[in-house]
Amino acid sequence: MKPPFRVPATLFELGQVVATRGVVASCSMPYMEQCLARHVRGDWGVVCAEDRKSNFEALFAGLRVLSAYPIDPDKPCKGFGDNTLWIITEADRSVTTFLLPNEY
């Protein structure tokens, strides 16, 4: 029997997934999981056009991948500054980090 849904393949390995204290205090675990699922499937949230292009190139060149999502989806998010959650997967794919821009 087939499962009732199809899970799309991921685009890259995440390595060890870690989060800073600021993220743990600001985001729920289900929301972090939702953002991580978007990140690994190529939905990089509210990153600028340059970062979106860099992320696409990173898939083939083995470079760092950056996603940005609003902490509170009902409030504006520019991809940096207040109300922003970053997810960064390192170039060697050894670790993926959840962090706030002021923790970078």
N, C-alpha and C. Protein backbone atom coordinates (compact mmCIF):
# COMPACT_ATOMS: atom_id res chain seq x y z
N MET A 1 0.83 -1.17 0.00
CA MET A 1 0.00 0.00 0.00
C MET A 1 0.88 1.24 0.00
N LYS A 2 0.58 2.21 -0.85
CA LYS A 2 1.35 3.44 -0.94
C LYS A 2 0.92 4.42 0.15
N PRO A 3 1.87 5.25 0.64
CA PRO A 3 1.48 6.26 1.62
C PRO A 3 0.54 7.28 0.96
N PRO A 4 -0.28 7.98 1.77
CA PRO A 4 -1.25 8.91 1.20
C PRO A 4 -0.64 10.21 0.67
N PHE A 5 0.64 10.38 0.81
CA PHE A 5 1.29 11.60 0.33
C PHE A 5 2.67 11.26 -0.20
N ARG A 6 3.21 12.16 -0.98
CA ARG A 6 4.55 11.98 -1.54
C ARG A 6 5.45 13.04 -0.94
N VAL A 7 6.55 12.63 -0.35
CA VAL A 7 7.50 13.57 0.23
C VAL A 7 8.55 13.90 -0.83
N PRO A 8 8.67 15.17 -1.23
CA PRO A 8 9.67 15.55 -2.23
C PRO A 8 11.09 15.29 -1.72
N ALA A 9 11.96 14.99 -2.63
CA ALA A 9 13.37 14.77 -2.28
C ALA A 9 13.99 16.07 -1.80
N THR A 10 14.95 15.97 -0.94
CA THR A 10 15.68 17.15 -0.48
C THR A 10 16.78 17.48 -1.48
N LEU A 11 17.19 18.74 -1.48
CA LEU A 11 18.19 19.20 -2.44
C LEU A 11 19.62 19.06 -1.96
N PHE A 12 19.82 18.96 -0.64
CA PHE A 12 21.17 18.86 -0.09
C PHE A 12 21.09 18.29 1.31
N GLU A 13 22.24 17.85 1.81
CA GLU A 13 22.34 17.30 3.15
C GLU A 13 22.39 18.44 4.17
N LEU A 14 21.83 18.21 5.34
CA LEU A 14 21.82 19.23 6.39
C LEU A 14 22.96 19.08 7.39
N GLY A 15 23.49 17.89 7.54
CA GLY A 15 24.47 17.65 8.59
C GLY A 15 23.80 17.73 9.95
N GLN A 16 24.58 18.07 10.98
CA GLN A 16 24.03 18.24 12.32
C GLN A 16 23.21 19.53 12.35
N VAL A 17 22.01 19.48 12.90
CA VAL A 17 21.16 20.67 12.99
C VAL A 17 21.22 21.21 14.41
N VAL A 18 21.58 22.51 14.52
CA VAL A 18 21.71 23.16 15.82
C VAL A 18 20.96 24.49 15.80
N ALA A 19 20.67 25.02 16.98
CA ALA A 19 19.98 26.30 17.10
C ALA A 19 20.59 27.11 18.23
N THR A 20 20.64 28.41 18.03
CA THR A 20 21.14 29.30 19.07
C THR A 20 20.07 29.48 20.16
N ARG A 21 20.48 30.00 21.29
CA ARG A 21 19.54 30.25 22.39
C ARG A 21 18.46 31.24 21.99
N GLY A 22 18.84 32.23 21.20
CA GLY A 22 17.89 33.23 20.76
C GLY A 22 16.76 32.63 19.94
N VAL A 23 17.08 31.69 19.07
CA VAL A 23 16.06 31.03 18.26
C VAL A 23 15.18 30.15 19.13
N VAL A 24 15.78 29.40 20.02
CA VAL A 24 15.01 28.52 20.90
C VAL A 24 14.02 29.33 21.73
N ALA A 25 14.42 30.53 22.14
CA ALA A 25 13.53 31.39 22.93
C ALA A 25 12.47 32.07 22.07
N SER A 26 12.72 32.19 20.77
CA SER A 26 11.83 32.96 19.89
C SER A 26 10.88 32.13 19.03
N CYS A 27 11.20 30.87 18.80
CA CYS A 27 10.44 30.04 17.84
C CYS A 27 10.03 28.71 18.47
N SER A 28 8.87 28.23 18.07
CA SER A 28 8.44 26.90 18.51
C SER A 28 9.16 25.83 17.68
N MET A 29 9.28 24.66 18.24
CA MET A 29 9.90 23.55 17.51
C MET A 29 9.13 23.21 16.24
N PRO A 30 7.79 23.15 16.26
CA PRO A 30 7.08 22.86 15.01
C PRO A 30 7.36 23.91 13.92
N TYR A 31 7.46 25.18 14.31
CA TYR A 31 7.74 26.21 13.32
C TYR A 31 9.16 26.06 12.77
N MET A 32 10.11 25.74 13.63
CA MET A 32 11.49 25.50 13.18
C MET A 32 11.53 24.33 12.20
N GLU A 33 10.80 23.27 12.50
CA GLU A 33 10.75 22.11 11.60
C GLU A 33 10.14 22.49 10.26
N GLN A 34 9.10 23.31 10.28
CA GLN A 34 8.47 23.77 9.04
C GLN A 34 9.46 24.58 8.20
N CYS A 35 10.18 25.49 8.84
CA CYS A 35 11.17 26.30 8.11
C CYS A 35 12.30 25.43 7.58
N LEU A 36 12.75 24.47 8.36
CA LEU A 36 13.83 23.58 7.92
C LEU A 36 13.39 22.76 6.70
N ALA A 37 12.15 22.30 6.70
CA ALA A 37 11.63 21.56 5.54
C ALA A 37 11.61 22.44 4.30
N ARG A 38 11.26 23.70 4.45
CA ARG A 38 11.28 24.63 3.31
C ARG A 38 12.72 24.85 2.83
N HIS A 39 13.62 25.07 3.78
CA HIS A 39 15.03 25.33 3.48
C HIS A 39 15.64 24.22 2.63
N VAL A 40 15.47 22.98 3.04
CA VAL A 40 16.12 21.84 2.39
C VAL A 40 15.48 21.50 1.05
N ARG A 41 14.31 22.08 0.77
CA ARG A 41 13.63 21.84 -0.51
C ARG A 41 13.75 23.03 -1.46
N GLY A 42 14.51 24.05 -1.06
CA GLY A 42 14.77 25.17 -1.97
C GLY A 42 13.82 26.33 -1.87
N ASP A 43 12.96 26.37 -0.85
CA ASP A 43 12.12 27.54 -0.59
C ASP A 43 12.86 28.35 0.46
N TRP A 44 13.64 29.32 0.00
CA TRP A 44 14.54 30.05 0.89
C TRP A 44 13.91 31.27 1.54
N GLY A 45 12.61 31.36 1.50
CA GLY A 45 11.91 32.40 2.22
C GLY A 45 12.11 33.78 1.62
N VAL A 46 12.50 34.73 2.47
CA VAL A 46 12.56 36.14 2.08
C VAL A 46 13.99 36.63 1.85
N VAL A 47 14.85 35.78 1.32
CA VAL A 47 16.20 36.23 0.99
C VAL A 47 16.14 37.15 -0.23
N CYS A 48 17.14 37.99 -0.37
CA CYS A 48 17.20 38.90 -1.52
C CYS A 48 17.52 38.11 -2.79
N ALA A 49 17.36 38.76 -3.93
CA ALA A 49 17.61 38.10 -5.23
C ALA A 49 19.04 37.59 -5.34
N GLU A 50 19.99 38.33 -4.82
CA GLU A 50 21.40 37.91 -4.87
C GLU A 50 21.62 36.63 -4.07
N ASP A 51 21.05 36.56 -2.86
CA ASP A 51 21.19 35.35 -2.04
C ASP A 51 20.44 34.18 -2.67
N ARG A 52 19.31 34.43 -3.29
CA ARG A 52 18.57 33.37 -3.97
C ARG A 52 19.42 32.76 -5.09
N LYS A 53 20.08 33.64 -5.87
CA LYS A 53 20.97 33.18 -6.94
C LYS A 53 22.16 32.41 -6.36
N SER A 54 22.74 32.93 -5.28
CA SER A 54 23.87 32.26 -4.63
C SER A 54 23.47 30.88 -4.12
N ASN A 55 22.27 30.78 -3.54
CA ASN A 55 21.80 29.49 -3.05
C ASN A 55 21.66 28.48 -4.19
N PHE A 56 21.12 28.92 -5.32
CA PHE A 56 20.98 28.03 -6.46
C PHE A 56 22.35 27.54 -6.92
N GLU A 57 23.30 28.45 -7.03
CA GLU A 57 24.66 28.08 -7.42
C GLU A 57 25.31 27.16 -6.39
N ALA A 58 24.99 27.38 -5.12
CA ALA A 58 25.56 26.57 -4.04
C ALA A 58 25.16 25.10 -4.15
N LEU A 59 24.00 24.84 -4.71
CA LEU A 59 23.55 23.46 -4.87
C LEU A 59 24.50 22.66 -5.76
N PHE A 60 25.14 23.33 -6.72
CA PHE A 60 26.03 22.67 -7.66
C PHE A 60 27.50 22.83 -7.31
N ALA A 61 27.82 23.91 -6.59
CA ALA A 61 29.22 24.20 -6.28
C ALA A 61 29.61 23.85 -4.84
N GLY A 62 28.66 23.36 -4.06
CA GLY A 62 28.96 22.99 -2.69
C GLY A 62 29.30 24.17 -1.80
N LEU A 63 28.53 25.25 -1.92
CA LEU A 63 28.74 26.44 -1.11
C LEU A 63 27.66 26.54 -0.03
N ARG A 64 27.77 27.53 0.83
CA ARG A 64 26.84 27.77 1.92
C ARG A 64 25.45 28.10 1.36
N VAL A 65 24.41 27.66 2.09
CA VAL A 65 23.03 27.95 1.72
C VAL A 65 22.38 28.73 2.87
N LEU A 66 21.74 29.85 2.53
CA LEU A 66 21.10 30.72 3.53
C LEU A 66 19.62 30.88 3.22
N SER A 67 18.79 30.69 4.23
CA SER A 67 17.36 30.98 4.14
C SER A 67 16.99 31.97 5.22
N ALA A 68 15.93 32.73 4.97
CA ALA A 68 15.43 33.70 5.95
C ALA A 68 13.91 33.63 5.98
N TYR A 69 13.36 33.55 7.18
CA TYR A 69 11.92 33.44 7.37
C TYR A 69 11.50 34.39 8.49
N PRO A 70 10.25 34.85 8.46
CA PRO A 70 9.77 35.68 9.57
C PRO A 70 9.60 34.82 10.83
N ILE A 71 9.96 35.37 11.97
CA ILE A 71 9.69 34.67 13.23
C ILE A 71 8.19 34.65 13.46
N ASP A 72 7.55 35.79 13.23
CA ASP A 72 6.10 35.90 13.29
C ASP A 72 5.60 36.16 11.87
N PRO A 73 5.01 35.15 11.22
CA PRO A 73 4.58 35.30 9.83
C PRO A 73 3.54 36.41 9.60
N ASP A 74 2.90 36.88 10.65
CA ASP A 74 1.91 37.95 10.52
C ASP A 74 2.53 39.34 10.53
N LYS A 75 3.85 39.41 10.72
CA LYS A 75 4.54 40.70 10.75
C LYS A 75 5.53 40.78 9.59
N PRO A 76 5.86 42.00 9.15
CA PRO A 76 6.81 42.15 8.03
C PRO A 76 8.19 41.57 8.37
N CYS A 77 8.85 41.06 7.34
CA CYS A 77 10.20 40.51 7.47
C CYS A 77 10.97 40.87 6.21
N LYS A 78 12.14 41.48 6.38
CA LYS A 78 12.97 41.89 5.25
C LYS A 78 14.05 40.85 4.91
N GLY A 79 14.16 39.83 5.72
CA GLY A 79 15.23 38.84 5.52
C GLY A 79 16.45 39.15 6.36
N PHE A 80 16.38 40.25 7.11
CA PHE A 80 17.44 40.64 8.05
C PHE A 80 16.78 41.52 9.11
N GLY A 81 17.48 41.73 10.21
CA GLY A 81 16.93 42.59 11.26
C GLY A 81 15.85 41.91 12.08
N ASP A 82 14.99 42.75 12.67
CA ASP A 82 13.93 42.25 13.55
C ASP A 82 13.01 41.28 12.81
N ASN A 83 12.43 40.38 13.57
CA ASN A 83 11.46 39.40 13.07
C ASN A 83 12.04 38.47 12.01
N THR A 84 13.33 38.19 12.09
CA THR A 84 13.97 37.33 11.09
C THR A 84 14.65 36.13 11.74
N LEU A 85 14.41 34.98 11.15
CA LEU A 85 15.06 33.72 11.51
C LEU A 85 15.91 33.31 10.32
N TRP A 86 17.19 33.08 10.55
CA TRP A 86 18.07 32.59 9.50
C TRP A 86 18.33 31.11 9.71
N ILE A 87 18.48 30.41 8.60
CA ILE A 87 18.98 29.03 8.61
C ILE A 87 20.16 29.00 7.63
N ILE A 88 21.30 28.56 8.12
CA ILE A 88 22.50 28.49 7.29
C ILE A 88 23.03 27.06 7.31
N THR A 89 23.18 26.49 6.11
CA THR A 89 23.84 25.19 5.96
C THR A 89 25.24 25.47 5.43
N GLU A 90 26.24 24.98 6.14
CA GLU A 90 27.63 25.24 5.79
C GLU A 90 27.99 24.57 4.46
N ALA A 91 29.01 25.10 3.84
CA ALA A 91 29.45 24.63 2.52
C ALA A 91 29.76 23.14 2.50
N ASP A 92 30.37 22.64 3.57
CA ASP A 92 30.72 21.21 3.60
C ASP A 92 29.56 20.33 4.05
N ARG A 93 28.40 20.95 4.29
CA ARG A 93 27.16 20.26 4.69
C ARG A 93 27.30 19.51 6.01
N SER A 94 28.24 19.94 6.84
CA SER A 94 28.44 19.28 8.13
C SER A 94 27.47 19.77 9.20
N VAL A 95 26.98 20.99 9.05
CA VAL A 95 26.09 21.55 10.07
C VAL A 95 25.13 22.56 9.45
N THR A 96 23.92 22.58 9.99
CA THR A 96 22.91 23.59 9.64
C THR A 96 22.54 24.28 10.93
N THR A 97 22.59 25.61 10.91
CA THR A 97 22.37 26.40 12.12
C THR A 97 21.16 27.32 11.98
N PHE A 98 20.30 27.28 12.97
CA PHE A 98 19.23 28.27 13.13
C PHE A 98 19.82 29.39 13.96
N LEU A 99 19.70 30.63 13.51
CA LEU A 99 20.18 31.75 14.29
C LEU A 99 19.42 33.03 13.95
N LEU A 100 19.52 34.00 14.83
CA LEU A 100 18.96 35.32 14.59
C LEU A 100 20.05 36.18 13.98
N PRO A 101 19.70 37.14 13.14
CA PRO A 101 20.73 37.97 12.51
C PRO A 101 21.69 38.63 13.50
N ASN A 102 21.20 39.03 14.67
CA ASN A 102 22.08 39.67 15.65
C ASN A 102 23.01 38.68 16.35
N GLU A 103 22.85 37.40 16.07
CA GLU A 103 23.72 36.36 16.63
C GLU A 103 24.79 35.91 15.65
N TYR A 104 24.81 36.48 14.46
CA TYR A 104 25.76 36.09 13.42
C TYR A 104 27.15 36.56 13.75
